[in-house]
Amino acid sequence: MAPVLSKYVTKKTAAGALALSALIWLLKKKRNEKLGKT
């Protein structure tokens, strides 16, 4: 595997993981607001 390609994949994976955790955080926040928690 080319170093450039692996670097790109690693960056993309990190960005994907970050987006996923942000999405989970938002969903939890929304659910808590629905339940009336602050």
Foldseek 3Di string as FASTA:
>chain_A
DDPVVVVVVVVVVVVVVVVVVVVVVVVVVVVCVVVVHD
